[in-house]
Amino acid sequence: MRKHFRALTFGLITALTGFGLTACQQDNNGVQAAREPSTSSEANTITGADRDFVMQAEKDNVQERVLGRMAQEQSQNGDVKDYGKMLVKDHNDALQKLVDLMNKNGVPQPKNLPEERNAAIDKLHNLSGPAFDREFMAMMVQDHQKAVSNFQREESAAQNPDVRNYAKDVRPTLEKHLKDAQDIQSKLATKR
């Protein structure tokens, strides 16, 4: 009887281990990312500074999508609206790559925007017209200067090859966002 119970228990554990449970996370843009339990030796290989970079990159991608949507809705300037549209698309793509990287490496995903980012959104909600455009573009220049610097650093310092490749892959897009933001900011300054 005892041997039969052990065999049954072992069989049940083996069967449960053999089946991968998948949970899905859906972001506010309808992107789904399959999440499998961490059973491989690759899981949790992102630690320290790499993990901090990944978590910050996720927050920043979500933030830039929100701000891009605001620009499309609140701005009357065609350049600012187009820039917002580009932000939403490019940061959604970057976020999907990051979610895939996080899932592959067993990194959990936070659900909320950081508080300081919410303050930026609140500040823009209270603006309209040229004042909105100037403040939005100033934020974009500042955010993308910081992002380019962080991605350059991570590209050379990352311990995890997936994180290093992500930084290398996304950095040119961030550099384009920075250049475009600076160009639009210059145009807005001459219209005063």
Foldseek 3Di string as FASTA:
>chain_A
DVVVVVVVVVVVVVVVVPDWDWDWDAAPVRDIDIATDPDDPLAQPQDDPLLVLLQVLLLLLVLLLVLLVCQLVFEPDPLSVVLSVLSNVLSVVLNVLSSNVCRSHVHDHDDDHDPVSVVLVVVLVVDGYLVSLLSSLVVQLVSLVVLLVSLVCCLPPPPDPSSNVSSVVSNVVSVVSNVSSVVVNVVSVVVD
